[in-house]
Amino acid sequence: MAMIGRRTVLAVLFLCAGAPARSETHDAARRFVEAAYASAVFQARISAIAAGKDTRPEIKALAGRVRDYRAAQLPGLARLAQASGIEVRDTLDLELRSIVENMEPLDYLALSRRYAETETQALDKEIPAYEEAVRSGPPSIRDYAAKVLGDLRDLGESAREARGTIGP
């Protein structure tokens, strides 16, 4: 009887010890998916603004490329979130919403510069999050991040090149 009691206690301790690790993994996955989704929504919105207005040709091309990429990416991210039991929303937080609203009235060179700067910064923040997910995310997140990372790096390089062509 004492042996069964010890085994039960050990089994409970083992399960409890594994629970925080699973919880931390789920929390990390949730944070990644929520941040990736918010970033994609944000970039889709600012890209739609820049692609829909009179901007420098290289900015219009970049914005159209990012807009189309994000439009294709968002449904896949939503499926990943749903499969992971994570809820994502198409609403932006106050800071990102403010950036979008402040870009809307801009034209040509002002919009071109602001878009290039904002897009570059967004990708420069997003790429390291994907790299970390590839290194340490749960398998479904790791696979998704690995598949997308090359595309994000290409977009980041294109954004830096476009930003360089329009000056300060």
N, C-alpha and C. Protein backbone atom coordinates (compact mmCIF):
# COMPACT_ATOMS: atom_id res chain seq x y z
N MET A 1 0.83 -1.19 0.00
CA MET A 1 0.00 0.00 0.00
C MET A 1 0.87 1.26 0.00
N ALA A 2 1.94 1.25 0.80
CA ALA A 2 2.84 2.40 0.85
C ALA A 2 3.51 2.61 -0.50
N MET A 3 3.80 1.52 -1.20
CA MET A 3 4.43 1.60 -2.50
C MET A 3 3.50 2.27 -3.51
N ILE A 4 2.23 1.93 -3.48
CA ILE A 4 1.25 2.54 -4.38
C ILE A 4 1.13 4.02 -4.06
N GLY A 5 1.12 4.37 -2.79
CA GLY A 5 1.02 5.77 -2.38
C GLY A 5 2.21 6.58 -2.89
N ARG A 6 3.42 6.02 -2.78
CA ARG A 6 4.61 6.73 -3.27
C ARG A 6 4.57 6.89 -4.78
N ARG A 7 4.14 5.85 -5.46
CA ARG A 7 4.05 5.94 -6.92
C ARG A 7 3.02 7.00 -7.33
N THR A 8 1.92 7.05 -6.63
CA THR A 8 0.90 8.03 -6.94
C THR A 8 1.44 9.44 -6.72
N VAL A 9 2.10 9.64 -5.60
CA VAL A 9 2.68 10.95 -5.30
C VAL A 9 3.72 11.33 -6.35
N LEU A 10 4.57 10.37 -6.71
CA LEU A 10 5.59 10.64 -7.73
C LEU A 10 4.94 10.97 -9.08
N ALA A 11 3.89 10.24 -9.41
CA ALA A 11 3.20 10.50 -10.67
C ALA A 11 2.58 11.88 -10.67
N VAL A 12 1.96 12.28 -9.58
CA VAL A 12 1.36 13.61 -9.48
C VAL A 12 2.44 14.68 -9.57
N LEU A 13 3.57 14.48 -8.86
CA LEU A 13 4.66 15.45 -8.92
C LEU A 13 5.22 15.57 -10.33
N PHE A 14 5.35 14.45 -11.00
CA PHE A 14 5.85 14.45 -12.36
C PHE A 14 4.91 15.22 -13.29
N LEU A 15 3.62 14.97 -13.15
CA LEU A 15 2.64 15.67 -13.98
C LEU A 15 2.63 17.17 -13.68
N CYS A 16 2.73 17.50 -12.40
CA CYS A 16 2.73 18.92 -12.03
C CYS A 16 4.00 19.61 -12.51
N ALA A 17 5.11 18.90 -12.49
CA ALA A 17 6.36 19.49 -12.96
C ALA A 17 6.30 19.74 -14.45
N GLY A 18 5.62 18.88 -15.20
CA GLY A 18 5.50 19.07 -16.64
C GLY A 18 4.49 20.12 -17.01
N ALA A 19 3.53 20.39 -16.18
CA ALA A 19 2.47 21.36 -16.50
C ALA A 19 3.00 22.77 -16.70
N PRO A 20 3.89 23.28 -15.84
CA PRO A 20 4.39 24.64 -16.09
C PRO A 20 5.14 24.74 -17.41
N ALA A 21 5.88 23.70 -17.78
CA ALA A 21 6.60 23.73 -19.05
C ALA A 21 5.61 23.79 -20.21
N ARG A 22 4.56 22.99 -20.15
CA ARG A 22 3.56 23.03 -21.21
C ARG A 22 2.86 24.38 -21.22
N SER A 23 2.58 24.93 -20.06
CA SER A 23 1.91 26.22 -19.97
C SER A 23 2.81 27.33 -20.54
N GLU A 24 4.10 27.29 -20.22
CA GLU A 24 5.04 28.28 -20.74
C GLU A 24 5.16 28.16 -22.25
N THR A 25 5.16 26.94 -22.75
CA THR A 25 5.23 26.72 -24.19
C THR A 25 3.99 27.28 -24.86
N HIS A 26 2.83 27.01 -24.29
CA HIS A 26 1.58 27.53 -24.86
C HIS A 26 1.55 29.05 -24.80
N ASP A 27 2.03 29.64 -23.69
CA ASP A 27 2.07 31.09 -23.57
C ASP A 27 2.99 31.70 -24.62
N ALA A 28 4.14 31.08 -24.84
CA ALA A 28 5.08 31.58 -25.85
C ALA A 28 4.45 31.47 -27.24
N ALA A 29 3.79 30.36 -27.51
CA ALA A 29 3.12 30.18 -28.80
C ALA A 29 2.02 31.21 -28.97
N ARG A 30 1.24 31.45 -27.92
CA ARG A 30 0.16 32.44 -27.97
C ARG A 30 0.71 33.83 -28.25
N ARG A 31 1.78 34.20 -27.54
CA ARG A 31 2.38 35.52 -27.75
C ARG A 31 2.89 35.67 -29.18
N PHE A 32 3.54 34.63 -29.69
CA PHE A 32 4.06 34.69 -31.06
C PHE A 32 2.92 34.85 -32.06
N VAL A 33 1.91 34.00 -31.97
CA VAL A 33 0.82 34.03 -32.95
C VAL A 33 0.08 35.36 -32.88
N GLU A 34 -0.21 35.85 -31.68
CA GLU A 34 -0.90 37.13 -31.55
C GLU A 34 -0.07 38.27 -32.14
N ALA A 35 1.23 38.29 -31.84
CA ALA A 35 2.11 39.34 -32.36
C ALA A 35 2.27 39.23 -33.87
N ALA A 36 2.43 38.02 -34.38
CA ALA A 36 2.58 37.83 -35.83
C ALA A 36 1.32 38.27 -36.55
N TYR A 37 0.17 37.93 -36.00
CA TYR A 37 -1.09 38.31 -36.63
C TYR A 37 -1.28 39.83 -36.61
N ALA A 38 -1.02 40.45 -35.48
CA ALA A 38 -1.16 41.90 -35.36
C ALA A 38 -0.20 42.62 -36.32
N SER A 39 1.01 42.12 -36.43
CA SER A 39 1.98 42.72 -37.33
C SER A 39 1.53 42.59 -38.78
N ALA A 40 1.01 41.44 -39.14
CA ALA A 40 0.53 41.22 -40.51
C ALA A 40 -0.65 42.13 -40.82
N VAL A 41 -1.59 42.27 -39.88
CA VAL A 41 -2.75 43.15 -40.09
C VAL A 41 -2.27 44.59 -40.25
N PHE A 42 -1.37 45.02 -39.38
CA PHE A 42 -0.83 46.38 -39.43
C PHE A 42 -0.16 46.66 -40.78
N GLN A 43 0.70 45.75 -41.19
CA GLN A 43 1.42 45.96 -42.44
C GLN A 43 0.49 45.88 -43.65
N ALA A 44 -0.53 45.05 -43.58
CA ALA A 44 -1.52 45.01 -44.66
C ALA A 44 -2.22 46.36 -44.78
N ARG A 45 -2.55 46.96 -43.67
CA ARG A 45 -3.27 48.24 -43.69
C ARG A 45 -2.40 49.38 -44.20
N ILE A 46 -1.17 49.49 -43.70
CA ILE A 46 -0.33 50.59 -44.16
C ILE A 46 0.07 50.39 -45.62
N SER A 47 0.22 49.14 -46.02
CA SER A 47 0.58 48.86 -47.42
C SER A 47 -0.58 49.18 -48.35
N ALA A 48 -1.80 48.93 -47.92
CA ALA A 48 -2.97 49.28 -48.73
C ALA A 48 -3.05 50.78 -48.93
N ILE A 49 -2.71 51.54 -47.90
CA ILE A 49 -2.72 53.00 -48.01
C ILE A 49 -1.68 53.45 -49.03
N ALA A 50 -0.44 52.96 -48.87
CA ALA A 50 0.65 53.39 -49.75
C ALA A 50 0.44 52.90 -51.19
N ALA A 51 -0.09 51.70 -51.35
CA ALA A 51 -0.31 51.17 -52.70
C ALA A 51 -1.47 51.87 -53.39
N GLY A 52 -2.40 52.40 -52.63
CA GLY A 52 -3.59 53.02 -53.20
C GLY A 52 -3.46 54.50 -53.49
N LYS A 53 -2.32 55.07 -53.13
CA LYS A 53 -2.14 56.51 -53.35
C LYS A 53 -0.97 56.76 -54.29
N ASP A 54 -0.81 58.01 -54.65
CA ASP A 54 0.30 58.42 -55.50
C ASP A 54 1.56 58.49 -54.64
N THR A 55 2.41 57.49 -54.79
CA THR A 55 3.68 57.44 -54.07
C THR A 55 4.79 57.22 -55.08
N ARG A 56 6.01 57.27 -54.61
CA ARG A 56 7.15 56.97 -55.49
C ARG A 56 6.96 55.57 -56.05
N PRO A 57 7.38 55.34 -57.30
CA PRO A 57 7.16 54.04 -57.95
C PRO A 57 7.72 52.85 -57.16
N GLU A 58 8.91 53.00 -56.60
CA GLU A 58 9.50 51.89 -55.83
C GLU A 58 8.71 51.60 -54.55
N ILE A 59 8.12 52.64 -53.97
CA ILE A 59 7.30 52.47 -52.77
C ILE A 59 5.96 51.84 -53.14
N LYS A 60 5.37 52.29 -54.24
CA LYS A 60 4.12 51.70 -54.70
C LYS A 60 4.30 50.21 -54.98
N ALA A 61 5.42 49.85 -55.60
CA ALA A 61 5.70 48.44 -55.90
C ALA A 61 5.88 47.64 -54.61
N LEU A 62 6.65 48.18 -53.67
CA LEU A 62 6.85 47.49 -52.39
C LEU A 62 5.53 47.35 -51.64
N ALA A 63 4.78 48.42 -51.57
CA ALA A 63 3.51 48.40 -50.83
C ALA A 63 2.55 47.39 -51.44
N GLY A 64 2.48 47.33 -52.75
CA GLY A 64 1.62 46.35 -53.40
C GLY A 64 2.07 44.92 -53.11
N ARG A 65 3.37 44.72 -53.12
CA ARG A 65 3.91 43.39 -52.82
C ARG A 65 3.60 42.98 -51.38
N VAL A 66 3.82 43.89 -50.44
CA VAL A 66 3.55 43.58 -49.03
C VAL A 66 2.06 43.39 -48.81
N ARG A 67 1.24 44.25 -49.38
CA ARG A 67 -0.22 44.12 -49.24
C ARG A 67 -0.70 42.75 -49.72
N ASP A 68 -0.23 42.35 -50.89
CA ASP A 68 -0.65 41.06 -51.45
C ASP A 68 -0.12 39.89 -50.61
N TYR A 69 1.12 40.01 -50.16
CA TYR A 69 1.71 38.95 -49.33
C TYR A 69 0.92 38.80 -48.03
N ARG A 70 0.62 39.90 -47.39
CA ARG A 70 -0.11 39.86 -46.11
C ARG A 70 -1.53 39.36 -46.30
N ALA A 71 -2.16 39.73 -47.40
CA ALA A 71 -3.52 39.24 -47.67
C ALA A 71 -3.52 37.71 -47.80
N ALA A 72 -2.47 37.18 -48.39
CA ALA A 72 -2.36 35.72 -48.51
C ALA A 72 -1.93 35.07 -47.19
N GLN A 73 -1.15 35.78 -46.39
CA GLN A 73 -0.62 35.23 -45.14
C GLN A 73 -1.67 35.18 -44.02
N LEU A 74 -2.52 36.17 -43.93
CA LEU A 74 -3.45 36.27 -42.81
C LEU A 74 -4.36 35.06 -42.64
N PRO A 75 -4.95 34.50 -43.69
CA PRO A 75 -5.77 33.30 -43.48
C PRO A 75 -4.97 32.12 -42.91
N GLY A 76 -3.73 31.95 -43.35
CA GLY A 76 -2.89 30.88 -42.81
C GLY A 76 -2.56 31.10 -41.34
N LEU A 77 -2.29 32.34 -40.98
CA LEU A 77 -2.04 32.66 -39.57
C LEU A 77 -3.29 32.42 -38.74
N ALA A 78 -4.44 32.77 -39.28
CA ALA A 78 -5.70 32.54 -38.55
C ALA A 78 -5.94 31.05 -38.35
N ARG A 79 -5.63 30.24 -39.35
CA ARG A 79 -5.77 28.78 -39.20
C ARG A 79 -4.80 28.25 -38.16
N LEU A 80 -3.56 28.74 -38.16
CA LEU A 80 -2.58 28.33 -37.16
C LEU A 80 -3.06 28.69 -35.77
N ALA A 81 -3.60 29.89 -35.62
CA ALA A 81 -4.12 30.33 -34.32
C ALA A 81 -5.26 29.42 -33.87
N GLN A 82 -6.18 29.15 -34.77
CA GLN A 82 -7.33 28.31 -34.42
C GLN A 82 -6.87 26.90 -34.03
N ALA A 83 -5.93 26.34 -34.79
CA ALA A 83 -5.43 25.00 -34.49
C ALA A 83 -4.69 24.96 -33.15
N SER A 84 -4.12 26.10 -32.76
CA SER A 84 -3.39 26.19 -31.49
C SER A 84 -4.28 26.64 -30.34
N GLY A 85 -5.55 26.88 -30.60
CA GLY A 85 -6.47 27.32 -29.57
C GLY A 85 -6.24 28.76 -29.14
N ILE A 86 -5.81 29.58 -30.08
CA ILE A 86 -5.49 30.98 -29.80
C ILE A 86 -6.45 31.87 -30.58
N GLU A 87 -7.00 32.85 -29.90
CA GLU A 87 -7.93 33.78 -30.54
C GLU A 87 -7.16 35.00 -31.04
N VAL A 88 -7.35 35.35 -32.31
CA VAL A 88 -6.74 36.55 -32.87
C VAL A 88 -7.84 37.47 -33.38
N ARG A 89 -7.53 38.78 -33.37
CA ARG A 89 -8.51 39.77 -33.81
C ARG A 89 -7.91 40.67 -34.87
N ASP A 90 -8.77 41.24 -35.70
CA ASP A 90 -8.32 42.15 -36.74
C ASP A 90 -8.22 43.59 -36.26
N THR A 91 -8.36 43.81 -34.97
CA THR A 91 -8.24 45.16 -34.44
C THR A 91 -6.80 45.40 -34.00
N LEU A 92 -6.36 46.62 -34.20
CA LEU A 92 -5.00 47.00 -33.81
C LEU A 92 -5.02 47.70 -32.47
N ASP A 93 -3.90 47.62 -31.75
CA ASP A 93 -3.82 48.35 -30.50
C ASP A 93 -3.73 49.85 -30.81
N LEU A 94 -3.85 50.67 -29.80
CA LEU A 94 -3.94 52.12 -29.98
C LEU A 94 -2.74 52.69 -30.72
N GLU A 95 -1.54 52.24 -30.39
CA GLU A 95 -0.34 52.78 -31.03
C GLU A 95 -0.32 52.48 -32.53
N LEU A 96 -0.58 51.24 -32.89
CA LEU A 96 -0.57 50.88 -34.32
C LEU A 96 -1.72 51.55 -35.07
N ARG A 97 -2.87 51.62 -34.44
CA ARG A 97 -4.02 52.29 -35.07
C ARG A 97 -3.70 53.77 -35.31
N SER A 98 -3.01 54.39 -34.38
CA SER A 98 -2.62 55.79 -34.51
C SER A 98 -1.66 55.98 -35.68
N ILE A 99 -0.72 55.06 -35.86
CA ILE A 99 0.21 55.14 -36.98
C ILE A 99 -0.54 55.04 -38.30
N VAL A 100 -1.46 54.11 -38.39
CA VAL A 100 -2.26 53.95 -39.61
C VAL A 100 -3.04 55.23 -39.88
N GLU A 101 -3.71 55.76 -38.88
CA GLU A 101 -4.51 56.97 -39.06
C GLU A 101 -3.65 58.17 -39.46
N ASN A 102 -2.44 58.24 -38.94
CA ASN A 102 -1.56 59.36 -39.28
C ASN A 102 -0.98 59.24 -40.69
N MET A 103 -0.97 58.03 -41.25
CA MET A 103 -0.48 57.85 -42.62
C MET A 103 -1.54 58.20 -43.65
N GLU A 104 -2.80 58.04 -43.29
CA GLU A 104 -3.89 58.21 -44.26
C GLU A 104 -3.89 59.56 -44.98
N PRO A 105 -3.65 60.70 -44.31
CA PRO A 105 -3.72 61.98 -45.04
C PRO A 105 -2.45 62.32 -45.83
N LEU A 106 -1.38 61.56 -45.68
CA LEU A 106 -0.12 61.90 -46.34
C LEU A 106 -0.19 61.61 -47.84
N ASP A 107 0.66 62.34 -48.59
CA ASP A 107 0.75 62.15 -50.04
C ASP A 107 2.21 61.96 -50.44
N TYR A 108 2.34 61.56 -51.66
CA TYR A 108 3.56 61.37 -52.40
C TYR A 108 4.83 61.17 -51.56
N LEU A 109 5.70 62.18 -51.48
CA LEU A 109 6.99 61.98 -50.83
C LEU A 109 6.85 61.76 -49.34
N ALA A 110 5.96 62.51 -48.68
CA ALA A 110 5.77 62.31 -47.24
C ALA A 110 5.26 60.91 -46.95
N LEU A 111 4.29 60.44 -47.72
CA LEU A 111 3.77 59.09 -47.54
C LEU A 111 4.83 58.05 -47.91
N SER A 112 5.55 58.30 -48.98
CA SER A 112 6.60 57.37 -49.40
C SER A 112 7.64 57.17 -48.30
N ARG A 113 8.10 58.28 -47.74
CA ARG A 113 9.11 58.20 -46.68
C ARG A 113 8.56 57.54 -45.42
N ARG A 114 7.37 57.96 -45.02
CA ARG A 114 6.78 57.41 -43.79
C ARG A 114 6.50 55.92 -43.94
N TYR A 115 5.98 55.51 -45.10
CA TYR A 115 5.70 54.10 -45.31
C TYR A 115 6.99 53.28 -45.30
N ALA A 116 8.01 53.74 -46.03
CA ALA A 116 9.27 52.99 -46.09
C ALA A 116 9.88 52.84 -44.70
N GLU A 117 9.85 53.91 -43.93
CA GLU A 117 10.40 53.87 -42.57
C GLU A 117 9.59 52.91 -41.69
N THR A 118 8.29 53.04 -41.73
CA THR A 118 7.42 52.22 -40.88
C THR A 118 7.49 50.75 -41.26
N GLU A 119 7.46 50.47 -42.55
CA GLU A 119 7.52 49.07 -43.02
C GLU A 119 8.86 48.43 -42.63
N THR A 120 9.94 49.17 -42.80
CA THR A 120 11.26 48.65 -42.44
C THR A 120 11.32 48.35 -40.94
N GLN A 121 10.84 49.27 -40.13
CA GLN A 121 10.85 49.05 -38.69
C GLN A 121 9.99 47.86 -38.29
N ALA A 122 8.83 47.74 -38.90
CA ALA A 122 7.94 46.62 -38.57
C ALA A 122 8.60 45.29 -38.91
N LEU A 123 9.20 45.19 -40.07
CA LEU A 123 9.87 43.95 -40.45
C LEU A 123 11.10 43.68 -39.59
N ASP A 124 11.83 44.74 -39.23
CA ASP A 124 13.01 44.57 -38.37
C ASP A 124 12.63 44.06 -36.98
N LYS A 125 11.42 44.33 -36.53
CA LYS A 125 10.93 43.78 -35.26
C LYS A 125 10.36 42.38 -35.44
N GLU A 126 9.73 42.15 -36.58
CA GLU A 126 9.04 40.89 -36.82
C GLU A 126 10.00 39.73 -37.10
N ILE A 127 11.03 39.99 -37.88
CA ILE A 127 11.95 38.92 -38.28
C ILE A 127 12.60 38.23 -37.09
N PRO A 128 13.13 38.96 -36.09
CA PRO A 128 13.70 38.25 -34.93
C PRO A 128 12.69 37.39 -34.17
N ALA A 129 11.43 37.81 -34.14
CA ALA A 129 10.40 37.00 -33.48
C ALA A 129 10.20 35.68 -34.23
N TYR A 130 10.22 35.72 -35.54
CA TYR A 130 10.11 34.50 -36.34
C TYR A 130 11.36 33.63 -36.16
N GLU A 131 12.53 34.26 -36.11
CA GLU A 131 13.76 33.49 -35.90
C GLU A 131 13.73 32.76 -34.56
N GLU A 132 13.24 33.44 -33.53
CA GLU A 132 13.12 32.81 -32.21
C GLU A 132 12.11 31.68 -32.24
N ALA A 133 11.02 31.87 -32.94
CA ALA A 133 10.01 30.81 -33.05
C ALA A 133 10.58 29.58 -33.75
N VAL A 134 11.43 29.79 -34.75
CA VAL A 134 12.06 28.67 -35.45
C VAL A 134 12.98 27.92 -34.49
N ARG A 135 13.68 28.65 -33.63
CA ARG A 135 14.61 28.02 -32.68
C ARG A 135 13.91 27.29 -31.55
N SER A 136 12.83 27.87 -31.02
CA SER A 136 12.32 27.32 -29.77
C SER A 136 10.81 27.16 -29.69
N GLY A 137 10.11 27.34 -30.77
CA GLY A 137 8.65 27.22 -30.73
C GLY A 137 8.21 25.77 -30.74
N PRO A 138 6.95 25.54 -30.39
CA PRO A 138 6.39 24.20 -30.53
C PRO A 138 6.39 23.82 -32.01
N PRO A 139 6.30 22.53 -32.32
CA PRO A 139 6.47 22.09 -33.71
C PRO A 139 5.60 22.81 -34.74
N SER A 140 4.33 23.01 -34.48
CA SER A 140 3.47 23.66 -35.48
C SER A 140 3.90 25.11 -35.71
N ILE A 141 4.27 25.80 -34.66
CA ILE A 141 4.73 27.20 -34.76
C ILE A 141 6.08 27.23 -35.45
N ARG A 142 6.97 26.34 -35.06
CA ARG A 142 8.31 26.28 -35.65
C ARG A 142 8.22 26.04 -37.16
N ASP A 143 7.38 25.10 -37.57
CA ASP A 143 7.23 24.79 -39.00
C ASP A 143 6.69 26.00 -39.77
N TYR A 144 5.68 26.64 -39.20
CA TYR A 144 5.10 27.81 -39.86
C TYR A 144 6.13 28.93 -39.97
N ALA A 145 6.82 29.22 -38.88
CA ALA A 145 7.80 30.31 -38.87
C ALA A 145 8.93 30.03 -39.86
N ALA A 146 9.38 28.80 -39.93
CA ALA A 146 10.46 28.45 -40.86
C ALA A 146 10.02 28.66 -42.31
N LYS A 147 8.76 28.34 -42.59
CA LYS A 147 8.23 28.48 -43.94
C LYS A 147 8.14 29.96 -44.34
N VAL A 148 7.84 30.84 -43.41
CA VAL A 148 7.59 32.26 -43.69
C VAL A 148 8.85 33.11 -43.59
N LEU A 149 9.82 32.68 -42.82
CA LEU A 149 10.98 33.51 -42.50
C LEU A 149 11.72 34.02 -43.73
N GLY A 150 11.93 33.18 -44.72
CA GLY A 150 12.63 33.61 -45.93
C GLY A 150 11.90 34.73 -46.65
N ASP A 151 10.58 34.61 -46.72
CA ASP A 151 9.77 35.66 -47.36
C ASP A 151 9.91 36.98 -46.61
N LEU A 152 9.89 36.91 -45.28
CA LEU A 152 10.01 38.14 -44.48
C LEU A 152 11.38 38.78 -44.66
N ARG A 153 12.40 37.96 -44.73
CA ARG A 153 13.75 38.51 -44.96
C ARG A 153 13.83 39.20 -46.32
N ASP A 154 13.22 38.59 -47.34
CA ASP A 154 13.19 39.21 -48.67
C ASP A 154 12.44 40.54 -48.63
N LEU A 155 11.30 40.56 -47.96
CA LEU A 155 10.54 41.81 -47.83
C LEU A 155 11.34 42.86 -47.07
N GLY A 156 12.04 42.44 -46.02
CA GLY A 156 12.86 43.36 -45.24
C GLY A 156 13.96 43.98 -46.08
N GLU A 157 14.62 43.17 -46.89
CA GLU A 157 15.66 43.68 -47.78
C GLU A 157 15.08 44.65 -48.81
N SER A 158 13.93 44.30 -49.37
CA SER A 158 13.26 45.19 -50.33
C SER A 158 12.86 46.50 -49.68
N ALA A 159 12.38 46.44 -48.45
CA ALA A 159 11.98 47.66 -47.74
C ALA A 159 13.19 48.55 -47.47
N ARG A 160 14.31 47.95 -47.07
CA ARG A 160 15.52 48.74 -46.83
C ARG A 160 16.02 49.39 -48.13
N GLU A 161 15.98 48.64 -49.23
CA GLU A 161 16.40 49.18 -50.53
C GLU A 161 15.49 50.34 -50.93
N ALA A 162 14.18 50.17 -50.81
CA ALA A 162 13.24 51.21 -51.17
C ALA A 162 13.44 52.44 -50.29
N ARG A 163 13.67 52.21 -49.03
CA ARG A 163 13.89 53.34 -48.11
C ARG A 163 15.14 54.10 -48.50
N GLY A 164 16.17 53.38 -48.92
CA GLY A 164 17.41 54.02 -49.33
C GLY A 164 17.28 54.88 -50.58
N THR A 165 16.32 54.56 -51.43
CA THR A 165 16.17 55.32 -52.68
C THR A 165 15.44 56.64 -52.49
N ILE A 166 14.75 56.80 -51.37
CA ILE A 166 13.96 58.04 -51.21
C ILE A 166 14.60 59.03 -50.25
N GLY A 167 15.73 58.68 -49.70
CA GLY A 167 16.46 59.63 -48.85
C GLY A 167 15.88 59.78 -47.47
N PRO A 168 16.39 60.78 -46.73
CA PRO A 168 15.99 60.95 -45.32
C PRO A 168 14.56 61.38 -45.13
